[in-house]
Protein backbone atom coordinates (compact mmCIF):
# COMPACT_ATOMS: atom_id res chain seq x y z
CA UNK A 1 0.07 -0.09 0.03
CA UNK A 2 1.10 3.62 -0.71
CA UNK A 3 0.68 6.77 1.67
CA UNK A 4 -1.33 9.49 0.31
CA UNK A 5 1.16 12.12 -0.73
CA UNK A 6 0.90 15.76 0.25
CA UNK A 7 3.10 18.16 -1.55
CA UNK A 8 2.10 21.45 0.13
CA UNK A 9 4.89 23.71 1.68
CA UNK A 10 4.72 25.94 4.70
CA UNK A 11 6.35 28.86 2.61
CA UNK A 12 3.69 28.68 0.05
CA UNK A 13 0.90 28.29 2.43
CA UNK A 14 2.00 31.22 4.46
CA UNK A 15 1.08 33.82 1.79
CA UNK A 16 -2.35 32.33 1.45
CA UNK A 17 -2.72 32.20 5.36
CA UNK A 18 -1.69 35.72 5.81
CA UNK A 19 -3.82 37.28 2.99
CA UNK A 20 -6.79 35.43 4.55
CA UNK A 21 -6.41 36.65 7.96
CA UNK A 22 -5.76 40.39 6.61
CA UNK A 23 -8.83 40.28 4.32
CA UNK A 24 -11.12 38.83 6.86
CA UNK A 25 -10.15 41.42 9.42
CA UNK A 26 -10.73 44.12 6.91
CA UNK A 27 -14.07 42.73 5.89
CA UNK A 28 -15.21 42.16 9.59
CA UNK A 29 -15.29 38.53 8.93
CA UNK A 30 -17.12 38.42 5.69
CA UNK A 31 -14.14 37.12 3.70
CA UNK A 32 -13.85 34.28 6.10
CA UNK A 33 -16.07 32.05 3.80
CA UNK A 34 -13.70 32.69 0.72
CA UNK A 35 -10.75 32.38 3.27
CA UNK A 36 -11.99 28.81 3.80
CA UNK A 37 -12.37 28.00 0.11
CA UNK A 38 -8.83 29.10 -0.53
CA UNK A 39 -7.36 27.16 2.34
CA UNK A 40 -9.13 24.12 1.35
CA UNK A 41 -8.42 24.27 -2.28
CA UNK A 42 -4.76 24.54 -1.44
CA UNK A 43 -4.91 21.51 0.71
CA UNK A 44 -6.94 19.54 -1.76
CA UNK A 45 -5.03 20.26 -4.76
CA UNK A 46 -1.58 19.57 -3.09
CA UNK A 47 -3.06 15.92 -1.82
CA UNK A 48 -2.19 13.28 -4.43
CA UNK A 49 -3.08 9.83 -5.16
CA UNK A 50 -1.09 8.06 -8.01
CA UNK A 51 0.02 11.50 -9.24
CA UNK A 52 -3.58 12.82 -9.47
CA UNK A 53 -4.80 15.53 -6.99
CA UNK A 54 -7.99 16.30 -5.50
CA UNK A 55 -10.13 19.08 -6.08
CA UNK A 56 -12.25 21.29 -4.13
CA UNK A 57 -15.23 23.04 -6.05
CA UNK A 58 -17.24 25.02 -3.42
CA UNK A 59 -17.25 28.96 -3.80
CA UNK A 60 -17.12 31.46 -1.26
CA UNK A 61 -20.57 32.56 -1.80
CA UNK A 62 -22.00 29.19 -1.09
CA UNK A 63 -20.32 29.07 2.16
CA UNK A 64 -21.13 32.61 3.02
CA UNK A 65 -25.12 32.05 2.17
CA UNK A 66 -24.97 29.00 4.71
CA UNK A 67 -23.23 31.17 7.37
CA UNK A 68 -25.58 33.93 6.84
CA UNK A 69 -28.74 31.82 7.20
CA UNK A 70 -27.22 30.43 10.53
CA UNK A 71 -26.34 33.85 11.96
CA UNK A 72 -30.02 35.15 11.14
CA UNK A 73 -31.32 32.15 12.98
CA UNK A 74 -29.06 32.62 15.93
CA UNK A 75 -30.23 36.31 16.11
CA UNK A 76 -33.83 35.40 16.00
CA UNK A 77 -33.31 32.61 18.74
CA UNK A 78 -31.59 35.20 20.85
CA UNK A 79 -34.21 37.88 20.62
CA UNK A 80 -37.02 35.41 21.03
CA UNK A 81 -35.54 33.93 24.08
CA UNK A 82 -35.02 37.48 25.75
CA UNK A 83 -38.63 38.28 25.13
CA UNK A 84 -40.47 34.96 25.45
CA UNK A 85 -39.51 32.62 28.42
CA UNK A 86 -40.89 29.33 26.88
CA UNK A 87 -38.88 30.34 23.59
CA UNK A 88 -35.79 28.99 24.55
CA UNK A 89 -37.25 25.39 25.34
CA UNK A 90 -39.30 25.31 22.14
CA UNK A 91 -36.41 26.55 19.99
CA UNK A 92 -34.03 23.89 21.72
CA UNK A 93 -36.69 21.01 20.85
CA UNK A 94 -36.82 22.31 17.08
CA UNK A 95 -33.15 22.53 16.80
CA UNK A 96 -32.66 19.21 18.35
CA UNK A 97 -34.94 17.44 15.72
CA UNK A 98 -33.61 19.66 12.94
CA UNK A 99 -30.04 18.73 13.52
CA UNK A 100 -29.84 15.57 11.62
CA UNK A 101 -31.33 17.19 8.60
CA UNK A 102 -28.37 19.91 9.12
CA UNK A 103 -25.82 17.33 9.58
CA UNK A 104 -26.72 15.39 6.57
CA UNK A 105 -26.82 18.51 4.51
CA UNK A 106 -23.61 19.55 5.81
CA UNK A 107 -21.97 16.15 5.03
CA UNK A 108 -23.65 16.01 1.43
CA UNK A 109 -22.21 19.42 0.62
CA UNK A 110 -18.58 18.73 2.11
CA UNK A 111 -18.65 15.38 0.24
CA UNK A 112 -20.01 16.84 -3.02
CA UNK A 113 -17.69 19.50 -3.18
CA UNK A 114 -14.70 17.24 -3.40
CA UNK A 115 -13.48 15.21 -6.67
CA UNK A 116 -10.92 12.96 -7.68
CA UNK A 117 -10.17 12.74 -11.41
CA UNK A 118 -13.46 14.60 -12.09
CA UNK A 119 -15.54 12.12 -10.11
CA UNK A 120 -17.09 13.51 -7.18
CA UNK A 121 -17.79 12.08 -3.74
CA UNK A 122 -21.21 11.95 -1.90
CA UNK A 123 -23.07 11.30 1.39
CA UNK A 124 -26.16 9.03 1.57
CA UNK A 125 -27.30 9.22 5.18
CA UNK A 126 -30.61 9.29 6.44
CA UNK A 127 -32.62 11.29 8.94
CA UNK A 128 -33.35 8.39 11.52
CA UNK A 129 -29.81 6.99 11.73
CA UNK A 130 -28.02 10.43 11.75
CA UNK A 131 -30.55 11.20 14.61
CA UNK A 132 -29.48 7.97 16.62
CA UNK A 133 -25.71 7.79 15.81
CA UNK A 134 -24.79 11.40 15.64
CA UNK A 135 -27.36 13.14 18.02
CA UNK A 136 -28.63 10.65 20.67
CA UNK A 137 -25.51 8.27 20.80
CA UNK A 138 -23.36 10.60 22.61
CA UNK A 139 -26.13 11.46 25.13
CA UNK A 140 -26.90 7.66 25.64
CA UNK A 141 -23.14 7.10 26.06
CA UNK A 142 -22.94 9.83 28.58
CA UNK A 143 -25.65 8.29 30.60
CA UNK A 144 -24.29 4.70 30.28
CA UNK A 145 -21.43 6.04 32.42
CA UNK A 146 -19.25 5.32 29.39
CA UNK A 147 -19.99 1.67 29.17
CA UNK A 148 -21.77 2.13 25.84
CA UNK A 149 -19.25 4.40 24.36
CA UNK A 150 -17.47 1.75 22.38
CA UNK A 151 -20.83 0.55 21.11
CA UNK A 152 -21.88 3.84 19.54
CA UNK A 153 -18.36 4.61 18.46
CA UNK A 154 -18.76 1.51 16.29
CA UNK A 155 -22.17 2.58 14.89
CA UNK A 156 -20.73 6.38 14.29
CA UNK A 157 -17.72 5.15 12.59
CA UNK A 158 -19.29 2.59 10.24
CA UNK A 159 -22.30 4.45 9.54
CA UNK A 160 -20.09 7.36 8.55
CA UNK A 161 -18.00 5.16 6.19
CA UNK A 162 -20.82 3.05 4.72
CA UNK A 163 -22.87 6.11 3.72
CA UNK A 164 -20.07 7.77 1.70
CA UNK A 165 -19.56 7.15 -2.01
CA UNK A 166 -17.00 7.80 -4.84
CA UNK A 167 -19.40 8.56 -7.83
CA UNK A 168 -21.83 5.50 -7.77
CA UNK A 169 -19.55 3.18 -5.98
CA UNK A 170 -19.98 2.96 -2.07
CA UNK A 171 -17.34 2.73 0.55
CA UNK A 172 -17.91 0.04 3.34
CA UNK A 173 -16.32 -1.19 6.57
CA UNK A 174 -17.02 -4.23 8.49
CA UNK A 175 -15.95 -4.04 12.21
CA UNK A 176 -17.20 -5.78 15.35
CA UNK A 177 -18.16 -4.29 18.51
CA UNK A 178 -15.65 -6.44 20.26
CA UNK A 179 -12.84 -4.63 18.34
CA UNK A 180 -14.05 -1.26 19.70
CA UNK A 181 -13.97 -2.48 23.35
CA UNK A 182 -10.71 -3.93 22.96
CA UNK A 183 -9.31 -0.73 21.75
CA UNK A 184 -11.03 1.25 24.47
CA UNK A 185 -9.50 -0.97 27.19
CA UNK A 186 -5.94 -0.82 25.25
CA UNK A 187 -6.22 2.94 25.17
CA UNK A 188 -7.02 3.27 28.98
CA UNK A 189 -10.19 5.09 27.94
CA UNK A 190 -12.91 2.84 29.38
CA UNK A 191 -10.91 2.04 32.62
CA UNK A 192 -10.64 5.85 33.28
CA UNK A 193 -14.31 6.43 32.57
CA UNK A 194 -15.35 3.54 34.85
CA UNK A 195 -13.05 4.86 37.62
CA UNK A 196 -14.14 8.45 37.30
CA UNK A 197 -17.97 7.62 37.28
CA UNK A 198 -17.43 5.06 40.06
CA UNK A 199 -15.87 7.67 42.23
CA UNK A 200 -18.57 10.17 41.65
CA UNK A 201 -21.40 7.62 42.29
CA UNK A 202 -19.72 6.55 45.40
CA UNK A 203 -19.05 9.86 46.51
CA UNK A 204 -22.84 11.06 45.79
CA UNK A 205 -24.06 7.89 47.73
CA UNK A 206 -21.84 8.85 50.87
CA UNK A 207 -23.02 12.40 50.81
CA UNK A 208 -26.70 11.08 50.60
CA UNK A 209 -26.02 9.09 53.50
CA UNK A 210 -24.26 11.51 55.63
CA UNK A 211 -27.02 14.28 55.00
CA UNK A 212 -29.67 11.66 56.15
CA UNK A 213 -28.10 10.97 59.51
CA UNK A 214 -26.64 14.67 59.81
CA UNK A 215 -29.26 16.71 58.38
CA UNK A 216 -28.13 20.04 60.13
CA UNK A 217 -24.60 19.87 58.58
CA UNK A 218 -25.32 19.91 55.14
CA UNK A 219 -23.25 22.91 54.15
CA UNK A 220 -20.31 21.30 56.24
CA UNK A 221 -20.71 18.05 54.33
CA UNK A 222 -20.67 19.67 50.81
CA UNK A 223 -17.84 21.86 51.94
CA UNK A 224 -15.82 18.76 52.96
CA UNK A 225 -16.40 17.01 49.77
CA UNK A 226 -15.97 20.08 47.35
CA UNK A 227 -12.40 19.93 47.60
CA UNK A 228 -12.16 16.26 46.92
CA UNK A 229 -14.28 16.86 43.67
CA UNK A 230 -11.99 19.55 42.36
CA UNK A 231 -8.79 17.39 42.87
CA UNK A 232 -10.90 14.58 41.13
CA UNK A 233 -11.62 16.78 38.15
CA UNK A 234 -8.06 18.06 38.12
CA UNK A 235 -6.51 14.82 37.82
CA UNK A 236 -9.09 12.66 35.88
CA UNK A 237 -10.45 14.98 33.24
CA UNK A 238 -6.99 15.33 31.53
CA UNK A 239 -6.56 11.53 31.64
CA UNK A 240 -9.97 11.01 30.12
CA UNK A 241 -9.19 13.39 27.49
CA UNK A 242 -5.80 11.88 26.51
CA UNK A 243 -7.19 8.43 26.71
CA UNK A 244 -10.16 9.45 24.53
CA UNK A 245 -7.69 11.05 22.09
CA UNK A 246 -5.73 7.59 21.95
CA UNK A 247 -8.82 5.50 21.53
CA UNK A 248 -10.13 7.53 18.55
CA UNK A 249 -6.79 7.18 16.98
CA UNK A 250 -7.08 3.21 17.46
CA UNK A 251 -10.74 3.36 16.21
CA UNK A 252 -9.73 5.35 13.12
CA UNK A 253 -6.95 2.94 12.22
CA UNK A 254 -9.25 -0.15 12.67
CA UNK A 255 -11.84 1.61 10.68
CA UNK A 256 -9.74 2.51 7.65
CA UNK A 257 -8.17 -0.95 7.73
CA UNK A 258 -11.70 -2.54 7.31
CA UNK A 259 -12.76 -0.01 4.66
CA UNK A 260 -13.14 -0.96 0.98
CA UNK A 261 -14.34 0.77 -2.15
CA UNK A 262 -16.58 -1.62 -4.55
CA UNK A 263 -17.00 -1.05 -8.00
CA UNK A 264 -20.84 -0.38 -8.40
CA UNK A 265 -20.80 -2.15 -11.85
CA UNK A 266 -19.64 -5.79 -10.74
CA UNK A 267 -19.42 -5.34 -6.94
CA UNK A 268 -15.61 -6.08 -6.98
CA UNK A 269 -13.18 -4.38 -4.66
CA UNK A 270 -11.47 -1.28 -6.44
CA UNK A 271 -9.53 -0.16 -3.44
CA UNK A 272 -8.24 -1.18 0.11
CA UNK A 273 -7.30 1.38 2.76
CA UNK A 274 -5.06 1.34 5.82
CA UNK A 275 -4.09 3.83 8.50
CA UNK A 276 -0.78 3.92 10.60
CA UNK A 277 -1.45 6.73 12.71
CA UNK A 278 0.83 6.54 15.78
CA UNK A 279 -0.78 7.85 19.03
CA UNK A 280 2.65 8.98 20.50
CA UNK A 281 3.60 10.76 17.34
CA UNK A 282 0.03 12.21 16.78
CA UNK A 283 0.20 13.64 20.40
CA UNK A 284 3.69 14.90 20.04
CA UNK A 285 2.71 17.03 16.89
CA UNK A 286 -0.58 18.38 18.36
CA UNK A 287 1.02 19.42 21.63
CA UNK A 288 4.13 20.97 20.09
CA UNK A 289 1.98 22.73 17.54
CA UNK A 290 -0.04 24.14 20.39
CA UNK A 291 3.08 25.22 22.22
CA UNK A 292 4.66 26.69 19.07
CA UNK A 293 1.80 28.61 17.85
CA UNK A 294 1.30 30.93 20.81
CA UNK A 295 5.04 31.45 21.52
CA UNK A 296 5.32 32.67 17.55
CA UNK A 297 2.15 34.93 17.93
CA UNK A 298 0.57 32.49 15.38
CA UNK A 299 3.08 33.10 12.84
CA UNK A 300 4.06 29.43 12.75
CA UNK A 301 0.50 28.45 12.45
CA UNK A 302 0.75 27.70 8.54
CA UNK A 303 3.75 25.54 9.36
CA UNK A 304 1.92 23.73 11.99
CA UNK A 305 -0.98 22.90 9.85
CA UNK A 306 1.17 21.73 6.97
CA UNK A 307 3.04 19.46 9.27
CA UNK A 308 -0.12 18.03 10.95
CA UNK A 309 -1.63 17.44 7.53
CA UNK A 310 1.43 15.87 6.03
CA UNK A 311 1.80 13.16 8.80
CA UNK A 312 -2.03 12.47 8.56
CA UNK A 313 -1.73 12.00 4.70
CA UNK A 314 1.58 9.87 5.03
CA UNK A 315 -0.31 7.70 7.60
CA UNK A 316 -3.39 7.13 5.34
CA UNK A 317 -2.65 4.16 2.90
CA UNK A 318 -4.57 3.17 -0.07
CA UNK A 319 -4.09 0.34 -2.55
CA UNK A 320 -5.77 0.26 -5.91
CA UNK A 321 -6.86 -2.96 -7.17
CA UNK A 322 -7.30 -3.82 -11.00
CA UNK A 323 -7.23 -0.98 -13.55
CA UNK A 324 -8.10 2.24 -12.24
CA UNK A 325 -9.08 3.82 -15.78
CA UNK A 326 -11.66 1.18 -16.50
CA UNK A 327 -13.25 1.86 -13.00
CA UNK A 328 -13.17 5.63 -13.76
CA UNK A 329 -14.90 5.19 -17.23
CA UNK A 330 -17.73 3.05 -15.64
CA UNK A 331 -18.35 5.65 -12.94
CA UNK A 332 -18.53 8.37 -15.50
CA UNK A 333 -20.90 6.43 -17.48
CA UNK A 334 -23.02 5.72 -14.55
CA UNK A 335 -22.95 9.28 -13.32
CA UNK A 336 -23.93 10.65 -16.79
CA UNK A 337 -27.01 8.40 -16.87
CA UNK A 338 -28.16 9.06 -13.19
CA UNK A 339 -27.44 12.79 -13.36
CA UNK A 340 -25.89 14.65 -10.51
CA UNK A 341 -27.32 16.17 -7.23
CA UNK A 342 -26.00 19.33 -5.67
CA UNK A 343 -26.46 20.56 -2.13
CA UNK A 344 -25.51 24.08 -0.78
CA UNK A 345 -25.64 23.69 2.89
CA UNK A 346 -22.26 24.13 4.51
CA UNK A 347 -21.68 24.31 8.42
CA UNK A 348 -21.16 21.46 10.60
CA UNK A 349 -18.02 19.82 10.68
CA UNK A 350 -18.45 16.08 11.18
CA UNK A 351 -15.58 13.63 10.70
CA UNK A 352 -13.57 10.74 12.21
């Protein structure tokens, strides 16, 4: 398998980055939509597979329209909440049930705006599954005290992979729940969650018992335990954050190794994938970037972005099976007979 090649250079990207910042400031943020297009075009145009680069087709106006609509909605919600008390609750319910539609529109837009050798990607998710895996899943995982986190990670990742396509050919990934639970233990994420929630549950139970027998000393009891909670959060939250980070790298590697692209014409495998992200290297890049950028007052931000993206590309492998040109010809023929659908709803970033 060959790693995806990224040919971008920090010195080249620095000019784009600086111009984007200056124009965004001068236009009071309006140019940010066009800045995003310029940034993504640079990264996609310099990302190569078999000497052919990706292309990004969105325009600044398309992205600006989506942001303008979102801004107007936020203003309306803010004004409504200020004058109508029940408006906040009603708007929350509306947004909650609209969020799968927004997520699907955004994923479809982000996929449709990217092409490889003149064939575009697409997203085929539906409302019900997006609501379950992207919206309800994190909530259920939280209330399960972390025990269902690997289960919903599996659903989330495989749903994300299986509903993307390249032209008319679909990606698919076959993973097992067991693999996600094994990775959650290997990364230390699930043990950290179990310890964290167990301490909280035990402490609440202990406080409830003390209050029952010493009702006159409620303030004293809460004060005694407040310091313990502060120490618990100070120690455990960074551990949970880091182990979750490692766990998601394991999950990403596993997902890509199980992902294939099948030819829509004969269902034969056209491409296999692999991911060799190393958690230690990945964390080192993230941490050192986070240190270097503030020290240099942001001037090393282009270098940091190029460095991160180059490692991500190098660690993502692809193996083309068979004659790629035949596959591409088939895709173009299928697309011309089916027609192409375009969506103009950019906004929420959903990825793995």
